[in-house]
Amino acid sequence: MVSYKQIDPTTAIYFSVAPASELSNGQRMIVEIDGEPLAVFNIAGTFYAIADVCSHDDGPVAEGDLQNEFEIECPRHGARFDVRNGKVLSFPAIVDIPAYPVKVEDGQIRVGLPPTATPDHA
């Protein structure tokens, strides 16, 4: 089972995932960084990243429906999470999922992972 990790943006190692121009408002992309499946969202021009795993059964969550602007619903059993911070919003999940800091630098979306991550192109 996945457990929530709070990532300190000041100590995170940032990885480029895509040009910001490739992720339009309302879109998402699923990427893998350092072996971690992540979902990156563009909501009203702000980028968010969460782990692509439901804490209820370790299934993928990012392909679910985005509702109420910031809620992703797991397509398997309906648990909901806040894409801004990974907080669980409904059963059957009871554990938050990891959320990652995101910034845009030089036109690139960059997602921060804990300092134990191995950068391949930071």
N, C-alpha and C. Protein backbone atom coordinates (compact mmCIF):
# COMPACT_ATOMS: atom_id res chain seq x y z
N MET A 1 0.84 -1.18 0.00
CA MET A 1 0.00 0.00 0.00
C MET A 1 0.89 1.24 0.00
N VAL A 2 0.51 2.22 -0.78
CA VAL A 2 1.26 3.47 -0.84
C VAL A 2 0.97 4.28 0.42
N SER A 3 1.92 5.05 0.85
CA SER A 3 1.69 5.92 1.99
C SER A 3 2.05 7.35 1.60
N TYR A 4 1.39 8.27 2.24
CA TYR A 4 1.55 9.68 1.91
C TYR A 4 2.95 10.16 2.25
N LYS A 5 3.51 10.93 1.32
CA LYS A 5 4.81 11.56 1.56
C LYS A 5 4.64 13.05 1.32
N GLN A 6 5.10 13.85 2.21
CA GLN A 6 5.10 15.28 1.98
C GLN A 6 6.49 15.66 1.51
N ILE A 7 6.58 16.27 0.35
CA ILE A 7 7.86 16.61 -0.25
C ILE A 7 8.14 18.09 0.02
N ASP A 8 9.29 18.37 0.59
CA ASP A 8 9.70 19.75 0.83
C ASP A 8 10.20 20.34 -0.48
N PRO A 9 9.52 21.34 -1.02
CA PRO A 9 9.93 21.91 -2.31
C PRO A 9 11.33 22.51 -2.30
N THR A 10 11.82 22.88 -1.11
CA THR A 10 13.15 23.50 -1.06
C THR A 10 14.28 22.48 -1.12
N THR A 11 13.99 21.22 -0.78
CA THR A 11 15.03 20.20 -0.84
C THR A 11 14.79 19.17 -1.95
N ALA A 12 13.67 19.30 -2.65
CA ALA A 12 13.32 18.34 -3.70
C ALA A 12 14.31 18.41 -4.87
N ILE A 13 14.43 17.30 -5.55
CA ILE A 13 15.19 17.24 -6.80
C ILE A 13 14.17 17.31 -7.93
N TYR A 14 14.32 18.27 -8.81
CA TYR A 14 13.32 18.51 -9.85
C TYR A 14 13.71 17.82 -11.16
N PHE A 15 12.70 17.20 -11.77
CA PHE A 15 12.86 16.49 -13.04
C PHE A 15 11.97 17.15 -14.08
N SER A 16 12.50 17.38 -15.26
CA SER A 16 11.70 17.89 -16.37
C SER A 16 10.85 16.76 -16.92
N VAL A 17 9.56 17.03 -17.10
CA VAL A 17 8.66 16.00 -17.63
C VAL A 17 8.14 16.31 -19.01
N ALA A 18 8.02 17.61 -19.35
CA ALA A 18 7.50 18.00 -20.67
C ALA A 18 7.52 19.51 -20.79
N PRO A 19 7.51 20.00 -22.01
CA PRO A 19 7.32 21.45 -22.18
C PRO A 19 5.92 21.83 -21.67
N ALA A 20 5.82 22.94 -21.00
CA ALA A 20 4.53 23.40 -20.48
C ALA A 20 3.51 23.58 -21.59
N SER A 21 3.97 23.91 -22.77
CA SER A 21 3.06 24.10 -23.90
C SER A 21 2.38 22.81 -24.35
N GLU A 22 2.90 21.66 -23.93
CA GLU A 22 2.32 20.37 -24.32
C GLU A 22 1.17 19.93 -23.41
N LEU A 23 0.97 20.62 -22.30
CA LEU A 23 -0.11 20.24 -21.39
C LEU A 23 -1.07 21.42 -21.25
N SER A 24 -2.10 21.40 -22.07
CA SER A 24 -3.08 22.48 -22.11
C SER A 24 -3.98 22.46 -20.89
N ASN A 25 -4.66 23.57 -20.66
CA ASN A 25 -5.61 23.69 -19.57
C ASN A 25 -6.61 22.54 -19.61
N GLY A 26 -6.80 21.88 -18.47
CA GLY A 26 -7.75 20.78 -18.37
C GLY A 26 -7.19 19.43 -18.74
N GLN A 27 -5.94 19.38 -19.18
CA GLN A 27 -5.34 18.11 -19.57
C GLN A 27 -4.49 17.53 -18.45
N ARG A 28 -4.14 16.25 -18.63
CA ARG A 28 -3.24 15.56 -17.71
C ARG A 28 -2.31 14.69 -18.52
N MET A 29 -1.20 14.35 -17.92
CA MET A 29 -0.28 13.39 -18.54
C MET A 29 0.23 12.47 -17.45
N ILE A 30 0.48 11.23 -17.85
CA ILE A 30 1.01 10.25 -16.93
C ILE A 30 2.47 10.02 -17.30
N VAL A 31 3.35 10.15 -16.33
CA VAL A 31 4.79 10.01 -16.55
C VAL A 31 5.37 9.09 -15.49
N GLU A 32 6.59 8.65 -15.72
CA GLU A 32 7.30 7.89 -14.70
C GLU A 32 8.62 8.58 -14.44
N ILE A 33 8.88 8.84 -13.17
CA ILE A 33 10.14 9.47 -12.77
C ILE A 33 10.76 8.61 -11.67
N ASP A 34 11.98 8.20 -11.89
CA ASP A 34 12.72 7.42 -10.90
C ASP A 34 11.91 6.22 -10.41
N GLY A 35 11.20 5.58 -11.36
CA GLY A 35 10.40 4.41 -11.05
C GLY A 35 9.04 4.69 -10.45
N GLU A 36 8.69 5.97 -10.28
CA GLU A 36 7.41 6.36 -9.68
C GLU A 36 6.44 6.80 -10.77
N PRO A 37 5.26 6.15 -10.89
CA PRO A 37 4.25 6.64 -11.83
C PRO A 37 3.55 7.87 -11.24
N LEU A 38 3.53 8.94 -12.01
CA LEU A 38 2.94 10.20 -11.57
C LEU A 38 1.95 10.71 -12.59
N ALA A 39 1.01 11.51 -12.12
CA ALA A 39 0.07 12.20 -13.00
C ALA A 39 0.28 13.70 -12.81
N VAL A 40 0.43 14.40 -13.91
CA VAL A 40 0.60 15.85 -13.88
C VAL A 40 -0.63 16.47 -14.52
N PHE A 41 -1.23 17.44 -13.84
CA PHE A 41 -2.45 18.09 -14.29
C PHE A 41 -2.20 19.57 -14.53
N ASN A 42 -2.89 20.14 -15.52
CA ASN A 42 -2.94 21.58 -15.73
C ASN A 42 -4.37 21.99 -15.44
N ILE A 43 -4.58 22.68 -14.34
CA ILE A 43 -5.91 23.15 -13.98
C ILE A 43 -5.86 24.66 -13.90
N ALA A 44 -6.51 25.28 -14.87
CA ALA A 44 -6.57 26.75 -14.95
C ALA A 44 -5.18 27.37 -14.95
N GLY A 45 -4.25 26.72 -15.64
CA GLY A 45 -2.90 27.26 -15.79
C GLY A 45 -1.96 26.97 -14.65
N THR A 46 -2.42 26.24 -13.64
CA THR A 46 -1.56 25.83 -12.53
C THR A 46 -1.33 24.32 -12.65
N PHE A 47 -0.09 23.90 -12.44
CA PHE A 47 0.27 22.50 -12.59
C PHE A 47 0.35 21.82 -11.22
N TYR A 48 -0.17 20.59 -11.18
CA TYR A 48 -0.17 19.77 -9.97
C TYR A 48 0.32 18.38 -10.34
N ALA A 49 0.93 17.69 -9.38
CA ALA A 49 1.38 16.31 -9.62
C ALA A 49 1.06 15.45 -8.40
N ILE A 50 0.53 14.26 -8.68
CA ILE A 50 0.24 13.28 -7.64
C ILE A 50 0.76 11.92 -8.09
N ALA A 51 0.89 11.01 -7.15
CA ALA A 51 1.24 9.64 -7.49
C ALA A 51 0.06 9.03 -8.26
N ASP A 52 0.37 8.25 -9.27
CA ASP A 52 -0.68 7.58 -10.03
C ASP A 52 -0.98 6.23 -9.41
N VAL A 53 -1.42 6.28 -8.17
CA VAL A 53 -1.75 5.05 -7.46
C VAL A 53 -2.80 5.36 -6.39
N CYS A 54 -3.85 4.56 -6.36
CA CYS A 54 -4.90 4.71 -5.35
C CYS A 54 -4.44 4.02 -4.07
N SER A 55 -4.55 4.69 -2.95
CA SER A 55 -4.12 4.11 -1.68
C SER A 55 -5.06 3.01 -1.20
N HIS A 56 -6.20 2.87 -1.84
CA HIS A 56 -7.14 1.81 -1.45
C HIS A 56 -6.68 0.44 -1.92
N ASP A 57 -6.22 0.35 -3.19
CA ASP A 57 -5.84 -0.97 -3.71
C ASP A 57 -4.62 -0.94 -4.62
N ASP A 58 -3.87 0.14 -4.58
CA ASP A 58 -2.66 0.30 -5.39
C ASP A 58 -2.90 0.34 -6.89
N GLY A 59 -4.15 0.52 -7.31
CA GLY A 59 -4.45 0.63 -8.74
C GLY A 59 -4.19 2.05 -9.23
N PRO A 60 -4.13 2.23 -10.55
CA PRO A 60 -3.91 3.57 -11.10
C PRO A 60 -5.12 4.47 -10.85
N VAL A 61 -4.85 5.73 -10.55
CA VAL A 61 -5.93 6.67 -10.25
C VAL A 61 -6.06 7.75 -11.32
N ALA A 62 -5.01 8.03 -12.05
CA ALA A 62 -4.97 9.20 -12.93
C ALA A 62 -5.89 9.12 -14.13
N GLU A 63 -6.33 7.94 -14.49
CA GLU A 63 -7.24 7.83 -15.63
C GLU A 63 -8.69 8.06 -15.23
N GLY A 64 -8.92 8.33 -13.95
CA GLY A 64 -10.27 8.59 -13.48
C GLY A 64 -10.77 9.96 -13.89
N ASP A 65 -12.04 10.20 -13.60
CA ASP A 65 -12.66 11.48 -13.95
C ASP A 65 -12.22 12.57 -12.98
N LEU A 66 -11.97 13.75 -13.53
CA LEU A 66 -11.68 14.92 -12.72
C LEU A 66 -13.01 15.63 -12.46
N GLN A 67 -13.34 15.79 -11.18
CA GLN A 67 -14.62 16.37 -10.80
C GLN A 67 -14.41 17.54 -9.85
N ASN A 68 -15.38 18.44 -9.82
CA ASN A 68 -15.31 19.58 -8.91
C ASN A 68 -13.96 20.29 -8.99
N GLU A 69 -13.43 20.38 -10.16
CA GLU A 69 -12.18 21.06 -10.51
C GLU A 69 -10.93 20.37 -10.00
N PHE A 70 -10.86 20.00 -8.72
CA PHE A 70 -9.61 19.47 -8.15
C PHE A 70 -9.70 18.04 -7.64
N GLU A 71 -10.81 17.34 -7.88
CA GLU A 71 -10.99 15.98 -7.36
C GLU A 71 -10.83 14.96 -8.47
N ILE A 72 -9.93 13.99 -8.25
CA ILE A 72 -9.78 12.88 -9.18
C ILE A 72 -10.48 11.68 -8.55
N GLU A 73 -11.28 10.99 -9.34
CA GLU A 73 -12.00 9.82 -8.86
C GLU A 73 -11.35 8.57 -9.42
N CYS A 74 -10.97 7.67 -8.55
CA CYS A 74 -10.35 6.42 -8.98
C CYS A 74 -11.34 5.65 -9.85
N PRO A 75 -10.89 5.21 -11.03
CA PRO A 75 -11.82 4.51 -11.93
C PRO A 75 -12.19 3.11 -11.46
N ARG A 76 -11.48 2.58 -10.48
CA ARG A 76 -11.74 1.20 -10.04
C ARG A 76 -12.85 1.12 -8.99
N HIS A 77 -12.75 1.92 -7.92
CA HIS A 77 -13.71 1.78 -6.83
C HIS A 77 -14.29 3.12 -6.37
N GLY A 78 -13.94 4.22 -7.03
CA GLY A 78 -14.57 5.50 -6.75
C GLY A 78 -13.98 6.35 -5.64
N ALA A 79 -12.86 5.95 -5.06
CA ALA A 79 -12.23 6.82 -4.06
C ALA A 79 -11.84 8.13 -4.74
N ARG A 80 -11.87 9.21 -4.00
CA ARG A 80 -11.53 10.52 -4.55
C ARG A 80 -10.38 11.14 -3.78
N PHE A 81 -9.54 11.87 -4.53
CA PHE A 81 -8.37 12.53 -3.97
C PHE A 81 -8.28 13.95 -4.51
N ASP A 82 -7.71 14.85 -3.73
CA ASP A 82 -7.47 16.23 -4.15
C ASP A 82 -6.13 16.27 -4.90
N VAL A 83 -6.15 16.68 -6.17
CA VAL A 83 -4.92 16.69 -6.96
C VAL A 83 -3.94 17.76 -6.49
N ARG A 84 -4.40 18.72 -5.71
CA ARG A 84 -3.51 19.78 -5.23
C ARG A 84 -2.59 19.29 -4.12
N ASN A 85 -3.04 18.32 -3.32
CA ASN A 85 -2.25 17.92 -2.15
C ASN A 85 -2.28 16.42 -1.85
N GLY A 86 -3.01 15.63 -2.64
CA GLY A 86 -3.07 14.19 -2.45
C GLY A 86 -3.99 13.72 -1.33
N LYS A 87 -4.69 14.64 -0.70
CA LYS A 87 -5.56 14.27 0.42
C LYS A 87 -6.73 13.42 -0.06
N VAL A 88 -7.02 12.37 0.71
CA VAL A 88 -8.16 11.52 0.40
C VAL A 88 -9.44 12.28 0.73
N LEU A 89 -10.44 12.15 -0.17
CA LEU A 89 -11.70 12.88 0.01
C LEU A 89 -12.89 11.95 0.21
N SER A 90 -12.74 10.66 -0.13
CA SER A 90 -13.86 9.75 0.05
C SER A 90 -13.40 8.30 0.14
N PHE A 91 -14.26 7.49 0.73
CA PHE A 91 -14.04 6.05 0.80
C PHE A 91 -14.14 5.45 -0.60
N PRO A 92 -13.58 4.31 -0.84
CA PRO A 92 -13.05 3.38 0.15
C PRO A 92 -11.62 3.69 0.60
N ALA A 93 -10.96 4.66 0.00
CA ALA A 93 -9.60 5.01 0.45
C ALA A 93 -9.68 5.75 1.78
N ILE A 94 -8.68 5.53 2.62
CA ILE A 94 -8.61 6.25 3.90
C ILE A 94 -7.23 6.87 4.12
N VAL A 95 -6.30 6.62 3.17
CA VAL A 95 -4.93 7.12 3.27
C VAL A 95 -4.66 8.08 2.11
N ASP A 96 -4.05 9.21 2.41
CA ASP A 96 -3.68 10.17 1.37
C ASP A 96 -2.66 9.55 0.42
N ILE A 97 -2.54 10.13 -0.77
CA ILE A 97 -1.52 9.70 -1.72
C ILE A 97 -0.47 10.80 -1.86
N PRO A 98 0.73 10.45 -2.32
CA PRO A 98 1.77 11.47 -2.45
C PRO A 98 1.40 12.57 -3.46
N ALA A 99 1.74 13.78 -3.10
CA ALA A 99 1.62 14.93 -3.98
C ALA A 99 3.02 15.53 -4.10
N TYR A 100 3.33 16.07 -5.25
CA TYR A 100 4.68 16.53 -5.52
C TYR A 100 4.67 18.00 -5.92
N PRO A 101 5.69 18.76 -5.50
CA PRO A 101 5.78 20.16 -5.94
C PRO A 101 6.06 20.23 -7.44
N VAL A 102 5.47 21.22 -8.07
CA VAL A 102 5.65 21.41 -9.52
C VAL A 102 6.00 22.87 -9.76
N LYS A 103 6.92 23.09 -10.69
CA LYS A 103 7.25 24.45 -11.11
C LYS A 103 7.52 24.44 -12.60
N VAL A 104 7.42 25.60 -13.20
CA VAL A 104 7.75 25.76 -14.61
C VAL A 104 8.99 26.62 -14.69
N GLU A 105 10.04 26.08 -15.30
CA GLU A 105 11.29 26.80 -15.50
C GLU A 105 11.70 26.66 -16.95
N ASP A 106 12.06 27.77 -17.56
CA ASP A 106 12.49 27.77 -18.96
C ASP A 106 11.51 27.02 -19.86
N GLY A 107 10.20 27.18 -19.56
CA GLY A 107 9.16 26.56 -20.38
C GLY A 107 8.95 25.08 -20.13
N GLN A 108 9.67 24.51 -19.17
CA GLN A 108 9.56 23.08 -18.86
C GLN A 108 8.78 22.85 -17.56
N ILE A 109 7.88 21.86 -17.57
CA ILE A 109 7.24 21.43 -16.34
C ILE A 109 8.24 20.58 -15.58
N ARG A 110 8.49 20.94 -14.34
CA ARG A 110 9.46 20.21 -13.52
C ARG A 110 8.77 19.76 -12.24
N VAL A 111 8.90 18.46 -11.93
CA VAL A 111 8.26 17.86 -10.77
C VAL A 111 9.34 17.50 -9.75
N GLY A 112 9.10 17.86 -8.49
CA GLY A 112 10.07 17.62 -7.42
C GLY A 112 9.83 16.31 -6.70
N LEU A 113 10.89 15.53 -6.57
CA LEU A 113 10.86 14.29 -5.81
C LEU A 113 11.79 14.43 -4.61
N PRO A 114 11.67 13.52 -3.63
CA PRO A 114 12.55 13.62 -2.45
C PRO A 114 14.02 13.58 -2.84
N PRO A 115 14.88 14.11 -2.00
CA PRO A 115 16.30 14.17 -2.32
C PRO A 115 16.95 12.80 -2.53
N THR A 116 16.28 11.72 -2.22
CA THR A 116 16.83 10.39 -2.46
C THR A 116 16.66 9.95 -3.91
N ALA A 117 15.90 10.70 -4.71
CA ALA A 117 15.68 10.38 -6.11
C ALA A 117 16.98 10.57 -6.90
N THR A 118 17.10 9.84 -8.00
CA THR A 118 18.28 9.93 -8.82
C THR A 118 17.96 10.72 -10.09
N PRO A 119 18.49 11.93 -10.22
CA PRO A 119 18.17 12.72 -11.42
C PRO A 119 18.85 12.15 -12.65
N ASP A 120 18.07 12.02 -13.73
CA ASP A 120 18.67 11.59 -14.98
C ASP A 120 18.88 12.78 -15.90
N HIS A 121 18.14 13.83 -15.66
CA HIS A 121 18.30 15.08 -16.41
C HIS A 121 17.60 16.19 -15.66
N ALA A 122 18.15 16.61 -14.58
CA ALA A 122 17.53 17.64 -13.75
C ALA A 122 17.62 19.01 -14.38
